[in-house]
């Protein structure tokens, strides 16, 4: 009897064990199937579903004649599947020298619990072949577009650059990134537990949509003229920086824009922030005597002076208020109105400004677009600085007319001079002509925009003649262009440091246009901290003469040898 009880007890214990065991399994399976379903499904999906992003081809950037400033080329990028790497240290040793990546960095990548990590993107064909020759099963290759700038540094501050992920980071690459970038495509497939593609699975492919192309107003030939002249200026005058802008006065189209220092977009990582600055729109400076065009034209327009009026220039030294003395570089006695501007007399200009008055002077400063953004389609533009007359000091009515106590940009100054060349009409400067698809169909176009009339046609023509006199008889003789009448104004301004005017740091400039009537090109040349000489007539005017004479010859040749295209033909 005790043996039967003992056997019964053992059987009951076994049954109880199996009941508890199966109950545990049921609970566990329920937990896994119900409560862990989402998590485990996600893990399985990551292991078996492969999704590969396919980058679109970024749109190209062209000059006005469809010569490329930027385009994309396909290069191979190398990736690895760390889950297939059995010996991370050995794998890192094999690849370190080939890829130029330190071993510990590769070991870190190979020990990640991922099915995909980038090793090196957009490598040269030689690097790709060396890695491929190793025959490593855990290594893969993907074609990716890499941005390429065939003209090296040319127009770098306008074009800008795109980063490793084809995202625009500066210049037109950044402002029009939404048009240039396109839309990525996707490649969907499945693999087994050993990361082998399943041939029975029907792969899904969503093709990428390539980006649109951008056509600029820049002309690569004119741009090359500007770039070459800047190199000459920088080498000859040991300048800290320099800028040249060429504008078509009748439209506001920017034909060339270049700065020094510059940078190489193909290797932008090595460029410092100062080299990447588009100084034409970001840097402000006191314009000096080039600003006298505002005073002179405003006084004529308001009929406060006439062309025959004379001004006594005090033989070079004048004290209009106690403790403040105005000087001219050369002493002058009586000068007729136009000669005041031709000879750039500070004293004469100050007396003209007194007739005009502070409120009217401020009115024309704003009409010309100073103290506000021009609206140019380039990033980083600043408005400059000008206080209203209510905040002027006692010396302001004398200083501002000759370009002190005011800060401007090169693009503002070029646009203002272009307004005089355009018979008094200020145009919005712009650099983007159109956006088009790969077949040349226009997606969006940009037309000239008239901002406002600054001067009457009569006054504008009078100022054109005065500025032609500056080049022919005055301070701008070195801006003369053989075969054409040029017009413009020199400027030499002390830089402000610590609230005081520096005695050895200047900005020399020349801004003008040619021909003097019916101008084809307006041009601003600005040179920051030139030495040993600093006068705008010496450091900037010759550069104006060179680039504008080249520009006119080229533009005239285009008219002869490149007839206009039929309407609608791009």
Protein backbone atom coordinates (compact mmCIF):
# COMPACT_ATOMS: atom_id res chain seq x y z
CA UNK A 1 0.00 0.00 0.00
CA UNK A 2 2.72 2.56 0.79
CA UNK A 3 4.36 1.74 -2.61
CA UNK A 4 1.08 2.50 -4.45
CA UNK A 5 0.75 5.82 -2.61
CA UNK A 6 4.37 6.68 -3.39
CA UNK A 7 3.89 5.88 -7.12
CA UNK A 8 0.70 7.94 -7.19
CA UNK A 9 2.45 10.85 -5.54
CA UNK A 10 5.29 10.75 -8.10
CA UNK A 11 2.87 10.60 -11.03
CA UNK A 12 0.90 13.52 -9.61
CA UNK A 13 4.12 15.51 -9.22
CA UNK A 14 5.10 14.77 -12.82
CA UNK A 15 1.64 15.73 -14.07
CA UNK A 16 1.76 18.88 -11.99
CA UNK A 17 5.21 19.73 -13.36
CA UNK A 18 4.03 19.32 -16.95
CA UNK A 19 0.91 21.32 -16.25
CA UNK A 20 2.98 24.16 -14.76
CA UNK A 21 5.55 23.89 -17.56
CA UNK A 22 2.92 24.05 -20.32
CA UNK A 23 1.12 26.80 -18.48
CA UNK A 24 4.41 28.74 -18.37
CA UNK A 25 4.91 28.11 -22.08
CA UNK A 26 1.41 29.33 -22.84
CA UNK A 27 1.95 32.45 -20.73
CA UNK A 28 5.35 33.03 -22.29
CA UNK A 29 4.07 32.54 -25.84
CA UNK A 30 1.14 34.82 -25.10
CA UNK A 31 3.53 37.44 -23.75
CA UNK A 32 5.82 37.14 -26.76
CA UNK A 33 3.02 37.03 -29.34
CA UNK A 34 0.86 39.73 -27.79
CA UNK A 35 2.97 42.04 -25.67
CA UNK A 36 6.31 41.75 -27.51
CA UNK A 37 4.86 41.57 -31.01
CA UNK A 38 5.76 45.10 -32.10
CA UNK A 39 9.30 45.02 -30.75
CA UNK A 40 10.12 41.59 -32.17
CA UNK A 41 8.51 42.43 -35.50
CA UNK A 42 10.70 45.51 -35.70
CA UNK A 43 13.82 43.44 -34.99
CA UNK A 44 12.84 40.88 -37.63
CA UNK A 45 12.10 43.64 -40.08
CA UNK A 46 15.54 45.18 -39.54
CA UNK A 47 17.18 41.80 -40.05
CA UNK A 48 15.29 40.78 -43.19
CA UNK A 49 14.16 44.00 -44.85
CA UNK A 50 16.82 46.04 -46.60
CA UNK A 51 16.05 49.65 -47.53
CA UNK A 52 18.72 51.53 -49.47
CA UNK A 53 18.38 55.24 -50.11
CA UNK A 54 19.32 56.36 -53.62
CA UNK A 55 20.43 59.95 -53.84
CA UNK A 56 19.17 62.03 -56.77
CA UNK A 57 21.55 63.86 -59.06
CA UNK A 58 21.82 67.41 -57.79
CA UNK A 59 21.01 70.04 -60.40
CA UNK A 60 23.83 71.87 -62.15
CA UNK A 61 24.61 75.58 -61.83
CA UNK A 62 25.40 77.36 -65.09
CA UNK A 63 26.55 80.80 -66.16
CA UNK A 64 24.43 82.88 -68.53
CA UNK A 65 25.86 80.98 -71.52
CA UNK A 66 25.24 77.53 -69.97
CA UNK A 67 28.85 76.94 -69.02
CA UNK A 68 28.93 74.91 -65.79
CA UNK A 69 29.92 76.41 -62.46
CA UNK A 70 28.86 73.25 -60.58
CA UNK A 71 27.60 69.76 -61.37
CA UNK A 72 27.55 66.30 -59.81
CA UNK A 73 29.53 63.20 -60.72
CA UNK A 74 28.88 59.65 -59.48
CA UNK A 75 31.51 58.18 -57.16
CA UNK A 76 31.47 55.01 -55.10
CA UNK A 77 30.87 55.05 -51.37
CA UNK A 78 32.00 52.12 -49.22
CA UNK A 79 29.90 50.60 -46.43
CA UNK A 80 30.14 47.55 -44.16
CA UNK A 81 27.80 45.12 -42.40
CA UNK A 82 29.31 44.85 -38.88
CA UNK A 83 27.20 41.77 -38.08
CA UNK A 84 29.15 39.83 -40.69
CA UNK A 85 32.57 40.90 -39.33
CA UNK A 86 34.05 37.99 -37.35
CA UNK A 87 37.34 39.65 -36.39
CA UNK A 88 36.99 43.46 -36.14
CA UNK A 89 40.69 44.02 -35.35
CA UNK A 90 41.88 42.00 -38.33
CA UNK A 91 39.37 43.65 -40.65
CA UNK A 92 40.43 47.10 -39.46
CA UNK A 93 44.09 46.24 -40.10
CA UNK A 94 43.32 45.23 -43.68
CA UNK A 95 41.37 48.39 -44.48
CA UNK A 96 43.14 51.07 -42.48
CA UNK A 97 45.93 51.86 -44.93
CA UNK A 98 43.74 51.46 -48.01
CA UNK A 99 41.08 53.88 -46.78
CA UNK A 100 43.37 56.18 -44.80
CA UNK A 101 41.30 55.69 -41.65
CA UNK A 102 42.84 54.95 -38.25
CA UNK A 103 42.39 51.38 -37.01
CA UNK A 104 40.58 52.26 -33.79
CA UNK A 105 37.98 54.19 -35.78
CA UNK A 106 37.31 51.17 -38.01
CA UNK A 107 37.19 48.81 -35.01
CA UNK A 108 34.56 51.07 -33.49
CA UNK A 109 32.48 50.84 -36.65
CA UNK A 110 32.86 47.05 -36.94
CA UNK A 111 31.74 46.40 -33.35
CA UNK A 112 28.41 48.19 -33.73
CA UNK A 113 25.25 46.07 -33.66
CA UNK A 114 24.11 47.29 -37.08
CA UNK A 115 23.68 45.86 -40.53
CA UNK A 116 24.96 49.02 -42.22
CA UNK A 117 27.67 51.59 -41.44
CA UNK A 118 29.48 53.97 -43.76
CA UNK A 119 33.23 53.46 -43.95
CA UNK A 120 34.12 56.15 -46.47
CA UNK A 121 31.93 58.06 -48.86
CA UNK A 122 32.58 59.31 -52.38
CA UNK A 123 36.01 57.78 -52.77
CA UNK A 124 38.26 57.85 -55.81
CA UNK A 125 38.09 55.00 -58.32
CA UNK A 126 41.56 53.85 -57.20
CA UNK A 127 40.47 53.57 -53.56
CA UNK A 128 37.34 51.67 -54.54
CA UNK A 129 39.31 49.17 -56.65
CA UNK A 130 41.82 48.55 -53.87
CA UNK A 131 39.03 47.75 -51.41
CA UNK A 132 37.19 45.61 -53.95
CA UNK A 133 40.37 43.61 -54.59
CA UNK A 134 40.42 42.53 -50.92
CA UNK A 135 37.29 40.42 -51.55
CA UNK A 136 35.72 41.07 -48.15
CA UNK A 137 32.15 39.74 -47.94
CA UNK A 138 31.07 42.29 -45.36
CA UNK A 139 32.00 45.24 -47.61
CA UNK A 140 29.57 46.83 -50.08
CA UNK A 141 29.61 49.69 -52.59
CA UNK A 142 26.97 52.28 -53.45
CA UNK A 143 27.14 54.89 -56.20
CA UNK A 144 26.63 58.41 -54.83
CA UNK A 145 26.76 61.80 -56.55
CA UNK A 146 29.58 64.12 -55.51
CA UNK A 147 29.51 67.85 -56.14
CA UNK A 148 32.23 69.07 -58.48
CA UNK A 149 33.28 72.63 -59.26
CA UNK A 150 35.22 72.55 -62.55
CA UNK A 151 36.44 76.16 -62.37
CA UNK A 152 38.04 75.73 -58.94
CA UNK A 153 37.70 79.08 -57.12
CA UNK A 154 35.87 81.08 -59.78
CA UNK A 155 32.68 82.74 -58.48
CA UNK A 156 33.00 80.71 -55.29
CA UNK A 157 31.18 83.32 -53.17
CA UNK A 158 28.21 83.35 -55.54
CA UNK A 159 27.98 79.63 -56.29
CA UNK A 160 28.83 78.50 -52.74
CA UNK A 161 29.16 74.77 -52.05
CA UNK A 162 27.28 71.63 -51.03
CA UNK A 163 28.35 69.24 -48.26
CA UNK A 164 28.97 65.48 -48.23
CA UNK A 165 25.21 64.80 -48.13
CA UNK A 166 24.57 67.06 -51.12
CA UNK A 167 22.94 69.75 -48.98
CA UNK A 168 23.74 73.32 -50.00
CA UNK A 169 25.70 75.13 -47.31
CA UNK A 170 26.67 78.47 -48.88
CA UNK A 171 25.77 80.75 -51.78
CA UNK A 172 23.32 79.74 -54.50
CA UNK A 173 23.85 76.11 -53.46
CA UNK A 174 22.15 77.04 -50.18
CA UNK A 175 19.51 79.57 -51.27
CA UNK A 176 18.19 77.32 -54.05
CA UNK A 177 18.83 74.00 -52.32
CA UNK A 178 15.13 73.13 -52.53
CA UNK A 179 15.28 73.28 -56.34
CA UNK A 180 18.75 71.81 -56.77
CA UNK A 181 18.55 68.85 -54.39
CA UNK A 182 15.81 66.76 -56.03
CA UNK A 183 14.02 63.91 -54.24
CA UNK A 184 15.74 60.67 -53.12
CA UNK A 185 14.70 57.25 -54.41
CA UNK A 186 14.54 53.94 -52.51
CA UNK A 187 15.48 50.32 -53.17
CA UNK A 188 13.60 47.70 -51.10
CA UNK A 189 14.66 44.03 -50.87
CA UNK A 190 14.81 41.13 -48.36
CA UNK A 191 17.63 38.99 -47.00
CA UNK A 192 17.94 35.87 -44.89
CA UNK A 193 19.56 35.56 -41.47
CA UNK A 194 23.00 35.42 -43.11
CA UNK A 195 22.31 38.71 -44.97
CA UNK A 196 21.99 36.93 -48.32
CA UNK A 197 19.58 38.52 -50.79
CA UNK A 198 16.48 36.41 -51.43
CA UNK A 199 16.19 35.90 -55.22
CA UNK A 200 12.53 34.88 -54.95
CA UNK A 201 11.57 38.27 -53.49
CA UNK A 202 10.37 40.84 -55.99
CA UNK A 203 12.46 43.93 -55.28
CA UNK A 204 10.75 47.30 -55.14
CA UNK A 205 12.45 50.28 -56.72
CA UNK A 206 11.35 53.91 -56.37
CA UNK A 207 13.53 56.00 -58.69
CA UNK A 208 15.00 59.30 -57.48
CA UNK A 209 13.89 62.60 -58.98
CA UNK A 210 16.89 64.65 -60.07
CA UNK A 211 17.21 68.30 -59.07
CA UNK A 212 16.54 71.26 -61.32
CA UNK A 213 19.35 73.24 -62.95
CA UNK A 214 20.02 76.89 -62.15
CA UNK A 215 21.17 79.46 -64.71
CA UNK A 216 22.88 82.56 -63.33
CA UNK A 217 23.29 86.05 -64.79
CA UNK A 218 27.05 85.76 -64.36
CA UNK A 219 29.09 85.50 -67.53
CA UNK A 220 32.07 83.22 -67.06
CA UNK A 221 34.23 85.32 -69.37
CA UNK A 222 33.47 88.55 -67.51
CA UNK A 223 33.90 86.70 -64.23
CA UNK A 224 37.37 85.59 -65.32
CA UNK A 225 38.29 89.21 -66.09
CA UNK A 226 37.26 90.26 -62.58
CA UNK A 227 39.04 87.33 -60.91
CA UNK A 228 42.29 88.01 -62.79
CA UNK A 229 42.23 91.72 -61.96
CA UNK A 230 41.67 91.01 -58.27
CA UNK A 231 44.76 88.80 -58.24
CA UNK A 232 46.76 91.67 -59.74
CA UNK A 233 45.41 94.14 -57.16
CA UNK A 234 46.07 91.82 -54.23
CA UNK A 235 49.65 91.10 -55.34
CA UNK A 236 50.52 94.66 -56.26
CA UNK A 237 49.06 96.43 -53.25
CA UNK A 238 49.35 93.65 -50.62
CA UNK A 239 45.72 94.21 -49.71
CA UNK A 240 43.77 92.56 -46.93
CA UNK A 241 40.76 92.06 -49.21
CA UNK A 242 39.22 93.31 -52.46
CA UNK A 243 35.96 93.14 -54.40
CA UNK A 244 34.88 93.70 -57.99
CA UNK A 245 31.23 93.81 -59.08
CA UNK A 246 29.96 94.35 -62.63
CA UNK A 247 26.27 95.13 -63.21
CA UNK A 248 24.21 95.70 -66.32
CA UNK A 249 22.67 99.11 -65.48
CA UNK A 250 19.44 98.78 -67.47
CA UNK A 251 18.44 95.47 -65.86
CA UNK A 252 20.35 95.02 -62.58
CA UNK A 253 21.81 91.73 -63.85
CA UNK A 254 25.06 90.98 -62.05
CA UNK A 255 27.56 90.08 -64.77
CA UNK A 256 30.48 89.35 -62.45
CA UNK A 257 31.09 89.32 -58.70
CA UNK A 258 34.40 88.34 -57.15
CA UNK A 259 36.12 88.74 -53.80
CA UNK A 260 39.51 88.18 -52.30
CA UNK A 261 40.35 86.25 -50.24
CA UNK A 262 38.49 83.33 -51.79
CA UNK A 263 38.32 79.55 -51.35
CA UNK A 264 38.13 76.28 -53.27
CA UNK A 265 34.59 74.79 -53.14
CA UNK A 266 35.98 71.35 -54.02
CA UNK A 267 37.91 71.47 -50.75
CA UNK A 268 35.73 73.82 -48.71
CA UNK A 269 36.52 72.08 -45.40
CA UNK A 270 39.97 73.68 -45.45
CA UNK A 271 38.64 77.23 -45.94
CA UNK A 272 38.32 79.54 -42.95
CA UNK A 273 35.24 81.67 -42.31
CA UNK A 274 36.90 84.87 -43.55
CA UNK A 275 37.73 83.31 -46.92
CA UNK A 276 34.16 82.09 -47.34
CA UNK A 277 32.61 85.52 -46.68
CA UNK A 278 30.91 87.15 -49.64
CA UNK A 279 32.33 90.57 -48.81
CA UNK A 280 30.38 92.22 -51.60
CA UNK A 281 27.18 91.86 -49.55
CA UNK A 282 28.38 91.26 -45.96
CA UNK A 283 31.15 93.81 -45.34
CA UNK A 284 30.40 97.45 -44.56
CA UNK A 285 32.78 100.39 -44.83
CA UNK A 286 32.72 104.17 -44.97
CA UNK A 287 32.56 104.97 -48.70
CA UNK A 288 34.53 108.19 -48.64
CA UNK A 289 34.38 110.43 -51.69
CA UNK A 290 32.41 108.02 -53.90
CA UNK A 291 29.45 109.07 -51.74
CA UNK A 292 29.68 112.63 -53.08
CA UNK A 293 27.54 111.44 -56.00
CA UNK A 294 24.57 111.36 -53.60
CA UNK A 295 25.14 114.92 -52.41
CA UNK A 296 25.76 116.33 -55.89
CA UNK A 297 22.84 114.59 -57.61
CA UNK A 298 20.43 115.40 -54.80
CA UNK A 299 21.35 119.09 -54.91
CA UNK A 300 20.83 119.19 -58.68
CA UNK A 301 17.54 117.30 -58.51
CA UNK A 302 16.18 119.61 -55.79
CA UNK A 303 17.40 122.62 -57.82
CA UNK A 304 19.48 123.86 -54.90
CA UNK A 305 22.43 124.31 -57.24
CA UNK A 306 22.99 124.75 -60.95
CA UNK A 307 25.80 123.58 -63.17
CA UNK A 308 27.17 127.13 -63.31
CA UNK A 309 27.20 127.80 -59.54
CA UNK A 310 30.58 128.48 -57.96
CA UNK A 311 31.82 127.55 -54.49
CA UNK A 312 34.78 128.97 -52.62
CA UNK A 313 36.85 126.07 -51.35
CA UNK A 314 38.80 128.12 -48.79
CA UNK A 315 42.22 127.24 -50.22
CA UNK A 316 42.11 123.79 -48.66
CA UNK A 317 41.18 124.51 -45.01
CA UNK A 318 37.81 125.50 -43.58
CA UNK A 319 36.30 125.61 -40.11
CA UNK A 320 32.50 125.62 -40.49
CA UNK A 321 31.94 125.17 -36.74
CA UNK A 322 34.28 125.66 -33.75
CA UNK A 323 36.70 122.80 -33.08
CA UNK A 324 36.03 121.19 -36.47
CA UNK A 325 38.14 121.73 -39.58
CA UNK A 326 37.56 120.45 -43.09
CA UNK A 327 40.56 119.83 -45.36
CA UNK A 328 41.06 119.22 -49.04
CA UNK A 329 43.95 117.10 -50.26
CA UNK A 330 44.82 119.90 -52.71
CA UNK A 331 44.01 123.57 -51.93
CA UNK A 332 41.37 125.14 -54.19
CA UNK A 333 39.87 128.60 -54.42
CA UNK A 334 36.70 129.15 -56.44
CA UNK A 335 35.39 126.06 -58.22
CA UNK A 336 32.36 125.71 -60.44
CA UNK A 337 29.91 123.01 -59.29
CA UNK A 338 31.12 120.26 -61.60
CA UNK A 339 34.76 120.98 -60.72
CA UNK A 340 33.96 120.46 -57.04
CA UNK A 341 33.07 116.86 -57.87
CA UNK A 342 35.77 116.40 -60.50
CA UNK A 343 38.47 117.46 -58.02
CA UNK A 344 36.69 115.76 -55.08
CA UNK A 345 36.76 118.85 -52.84
CA UNK A 346 35.51 118.04 -49.36
CA UNK A 347 34.97 121.70 -48.57
CA UNK A 348 33.03 122.36 -51.78
CA UNK A 349 30.91 119.24 -51.27
CA UNK A 350 30.17 120.30 -47.70
CA UNK A 351 28.93 123.69 -48.90
CA UNK A 352 26.75 122.03 -51.55
CA UNK A 353 25.28 119.83 -48.80
CA UNK A 354 24.39 122.90 -46.73
CA UNK A 355 22.23 124.14 -49.58
CA UNK A 356 20.60 120.71 -49.89
CA UNK A 357 19.94 120.40 -46.16
CA UNK A 358 20.03 117.36 -43.84
CA UNK A 359 16.49 116.17 -44.52
CA UNK A 360 16.92 116.25 -48.30
CA UNK A 361 20.35 114.63 -48.06
CA UNK A 362 18.88 111.82 -45.97
CA UNK A 363 16.04 111.51 -48.50
CA UNK A 364 18.47 110.84 -51.34
CA UNK A 365 20.58 108.50 -49.26
CA UNK A 366 17.48 106.35 -48.82
CA UNK A 367 16.34 106.79 -52.44
CA UNK A 368 19.67 105.38 -53.64
CA UNK A 369 19.11 102.36 -51.36
CA UNK A 370 21.69 102.97 -48.67
CA UNK A 371 20.79 101.87 -45.15
CA UNK A 372 18.61 99.03 -46.50
CA UNK A 373 19.07 95.72 -48.27
CA UNK A 374 19.20 95.85 -52.05
CA UNK A 375 17.29 92.56 -52.13
CA UNK A 376 20.01 90.82 -54.12
CA UNK A 377 19.38 87.07 -54.26
CA UNK A 378 22.51 86.15 -52.31
CA UNK A 379 22.64 85.12 -48.65
CA UNK A 380 24.14 87.26 -45.91
CA UNK A 381 23.34 90.75 -47.19
CA UNK A 382 23.46 93.51 -44.57
CA UNK A 383 21.77 96.94 -44.82
CA UNK A 384 24.71 99.10 -43.78
CA UNK A 385 24.26 101.95 -41.31
CA UNK A 386 22.90 105.48 -41.57
CA UNK A 387 21.25 107.45 -38.78
CA UNK A 388 18.28 109.75 -39.44
CA UNK A 389 18.99 113.51 -39.16
CA UNK A 390 17.43 113.58 -35.67
CA UNK A 391 20.44 111.58 -34.47
CA UNK A 392 23.11 113.52 -36.34
CA UNK A 393 25.83 115.36 -34.49
CA UNK A 394 26.93 118.92 -35.27
CA UNK A 395 29.59 117.59 -37.62
CA UNK A 396 27.34 115.09 -39.42
CA UNK A 397 25.99 117.58 -42.01
CA UNK A 398 29.60 118.08 -43.12
CA UNK A 399 30.94 114.55 -42.71
CA UNK A 400 28.12 112.50 -44.25
CA UNK A 401 28.11 114.33 -47.62
CA UNK A 402 31.72 113.26 -48.17
CA UNK A 403 31.13 109.63 -47.08
CA UNK A 404 31.93 109.61 -43.39
CA UNK A 405 29.64 108.62 -40.47
CA UNK A 406 27.87 106.21 -42.82
CA UNK A 407 28.53 102.54 -43.63
CA UNK A 408 27.69 100.95 -46.98
CA UNK A 409 28.28 97.69 -48.86
CA UNK A 410 29.89 97.23 -52.25
CA UNK A 411 26.67 95.91 -53.77
CA UNK A 412 24.77 99.01 -52.60
CA UNK A 413 27.40 101.31 -54.07
CA UNK A 414 27.47 99.46 -57.39
CA UNK A 415 23.65 99.54 -57.60
CA UNK A 416 23.57 103.27 -56.81
CA UNK A 417 26.07 104.08 -59.56
CA UNK A 418 24.17 101.81 -61.94
CA UNK A 419 21.05 103.94 -61.22
CA UNK A 420 22.87 107.05 -62.47
CA UNK A 421 24.03 105.12 -65.54
CA UNK A 422 20.43 103.98 -66.06
CA UNK A 423 19.25 107.60 -66.35
CA UNK A 424 18.14 107.82 -62.73
CA UNK A 425 16.26 104.52 -62.32
CA UNK A 426 17.41 102.17 -59.54
CA UNK A 427 17.20 98.49 -60.46
CA UNK A 428 17.28 95.57 -58.05
CA UNK A 429 20.56 93.68 -58.53
CA UNK A 430 20.09 89.97 -59.13
CA UNK A 431 22.19 86.94 -59.97
CA UNK A 432 19.64 84.17 -60.68
CA UNK A 433 18.28 84.20 -64.22
CA UNK A 434 16.13 81.06 -64.24
CA UNK A 435 15.52 77.56 -62.93
CA UNK A 436 15.01 74.83 -65.53
CA UNK A 437 14.73 71.07 -65.87
CA UNK A 438 17.21 68.81 -67.68
CA UNK A 439 15.44 69.39 -70.99
CA UNK A 440 15.71 73.15 -70.69
CA UNK A 441 12.07 73.73 -69.80
CA UNK A 442 11.85 76.82 -67.59
CA UNK A 443 10.41 76.13 -64.15
CA UNK A 444 10.85 79.65 -62.82
CA UNK A 445 12.38 82.76 -64.32
CA UNK A 446 13.49 86.06 -62.83
CA UNK A 447 13.06 89.38 -64.60
CA UNK A 448 14.52 92.86 -64.01
CA UNK A 449 12.81 94.72 -61.16
CA UNK A 450 12.62 98.51 -61.13
CA UNK A 451 12.91 99.66 -57.53
CA UNK A 452 12.18 103.38 -58.07
CA UNK A 453 13.21 106.47 -59.93
CA UNK A 454 15.89 108.31 -57.95
CA UNK A 455 16.64 111.16 -60.35
CA UNK A 456 14.96 112.73 -63.31
CA UNK A 457 16.35 111.89 -66.71
CA UNK A 458 17.73 115.44 -67.00
CA UNK A 459 19.58 115.32 -63.65
CA UNK A 460 20.93 111.84 -64.34
CA UNK A 461 22.43 112.98 -67.64
CA UNK A 462 24.00 115.99 -65.93
CA UNK A 463 25.61 113.75 -63.31
CA UNK A 464 26.77 111.36 -66.02
CA UNK A 465 28.57 114.27 -67.68
CA UNK A 466 30.12 115.39 -64.37
CA UNK A 467 31.34 111.87 -63.64
CA UNK A 468 32.79 111.64 -67.14
CA UNK A 469 34.68 114.81 -66.25
CA UNK A 470 36.05 113.10 -63.13
CA UNK A 471 37.71 110.52 -65.42
CA UNK A 472 38.77 112.95 -68.12
CA UNK A 473 39.98 115.86 -66.02
CA UNK A 474 39.74 115.01 -62.32
CA UNK A 475 40.82 112.42 -59.78
CA UNK A 476 39.80 109.43 -61.92
CA UNK A 477 42.15 109.83 -64.88
CA UNK A 478 43.57 106.34 -64.36
CA UNK A 479 40.08 104.94 -65.05
CA UNK A 480 40.14 106.09 -68.68
CA UNK A 481 39.20 103.50 -71.31
CA UNK A 482 40.68 103.75 -74.76
CA UNK A 483 38.01 104.31 -77.37
CA UNK A 484 35.20 105.02 -74.88
CA UNK A 485 34.20 107.74 -72.44
CA UNK A 486 34.10 106.32 -68.94
CA UNK A 487 32.43 107.97 -65.95
CA UNK A 488 32.91 107.39 -62.24
CA UNK A 489 34.13 108.55 -58.87
CA UNK A 490 37.15 107.78 -56.75
CA UNK A 491 37.01 107.20 -53.02
CA UNK A 492 39.58 106.94 -50.25
CA UNK A 493 38.28 106.39 -46.73
CA UNK A 494 40.04 105.94 -43.42
CA UNK A 495 38.91 102.87 -41.51
CA UNK A 496 37.52 103.25 -38.02
CA UNK A 497 39.30 101.38 -35.22
CA UNK A 498 38.33 101.70 -31.60
CA UNK A 499 36.10 104.67 -32.31
CA UNK A 500 38.90 106.61 -34.05
CA UNK A 501 39.98 106.99 -37.63
CA UNK A 502 43.05 104.91 -38.38
CA UNK A 503 46.09 106.72 -39.73
CA UNK A 504 47.36 103.79 -41.76
CA UNK A 505 44.34 101.66 -42.75
CA UNK A 506 42.18 102.75 -45.67
CA UNK A 507 39.63 101.50 -48.18
CA UNK A 508 40.40 102.69 -51.70
CA UNK A 509 37.64 102.43 -54.26
CA UNK A 510 36.38 103.43 -57.66
CA UNK A 511 32.82 103.06 -58.90
CA UNK A 512 31.72 104.01 -62.39
CA UNK A 513 30.32 102.95 -65.73
CA UNK A 514 31.05 102.98 -69.43
CA UNK A 515 30.25 104.24 -71.95
CA UNK A 516 29.41 107.48 -70.12
CA UNK A 517 26.04 107.65 -71.91
CA UNK A 518 24.02 104.51 -72.69
CA UNK A 519 26.27 102.52 -70.37
CA UNK A 520 26.77 98.82 -70.92
CA UNK A 521 28.51 98.09 -67.62
CA UNK A 522 28.61 99.62 -64.15
CA UNK A 523 31.51 98.48 -62.00
CA UNK A 524 32.61 98.77 -58.38
CA UNK A 525 36.22 98.10 -57.37
CA UNK A 526 36.95 98.19 -53.64
CA UNK A 527 40.36 97.52 -52.06
CA UNK A 528 40.66 97.00 -48.31
CA UNK A 529 43.89 98.07 -46.57
CA UNK A 530 46.17 98.44 -49.59
CA UNK A 531 49.77 99.52 -49.07
CA UNK A 532 52.14 101.22 -49.49
CA UNK A 533 49.64 103.46 -51.37
CA UNK A 534 45.96 103.66 -50.53
CA UNK A 535 44.30 106.20 -52.83
CA UNK A 536 41.32 104.90 -54.80
CA UNK A 537 42.67 106.64 -57.89
CA UNK A 538 45.79 104.47 -57.68
CA UNK A 539 44.64 101.12 -56.27
CA UNK A 540 41.12 100.80 -57.75
CA UNK A 541 40.67 103.03 -60.80
CA UNK A 542 43.20 101.17 -63.01
CA UNK A 543 41.44 97.89 -62.21
CA UNK A 544 38.13 99.46 -63.25
CA UNK A 545 39.70 100.60 -66.53
CA UNK A 546 41.05 97.12 -67.28
CA UNK A 547 38.00 95.00 -66.53
CA UNK A 548 35.45 97.39 -68.03
CA UNK A 549 37.44 97.82 -71.26
CA UNK A 550 37.68 94.02 -71.53
CA UNK A 551 33.98 93.71 -70.75
CA UNK A 552 32.92 96.22 -73.43
CA UNK A 553 35.08 94.56 -76.08
CA UNK A 554 33.66 91.17 -75.18
CA UNK A 555 30.04 92.34 -75.07
CA UNK A 556 30.39 94.11 -78.41
CA UNK A 557 31.93 90.98 -79.92
CA UNK A 558 29.01 88.91 -78.63
CA UNK A 559 26.57 91.21 -80.39
CA UNK A 560 28.39 90.61 -83.68
CA UNK A 561 29.13 86.91 -83.46
CA UNK A 562 26.25 85.65 -81.32
CA UNK A 563 22.92 86.83 -82.74
CA UNK A 564 19.88 86.79 -80.51
CA UNK A 565 18.04 83.49 -80.12
CA UNK A 566 14.48 83.17 -81.40
CA UNK A 567 11.78 84.00 -78.87
CA UNK A 568 11.13 81.11 -76.50
CA UNK A 569 14.37 79.34 -77.43
CA UNK A 570 16.65 78.85 -74.44
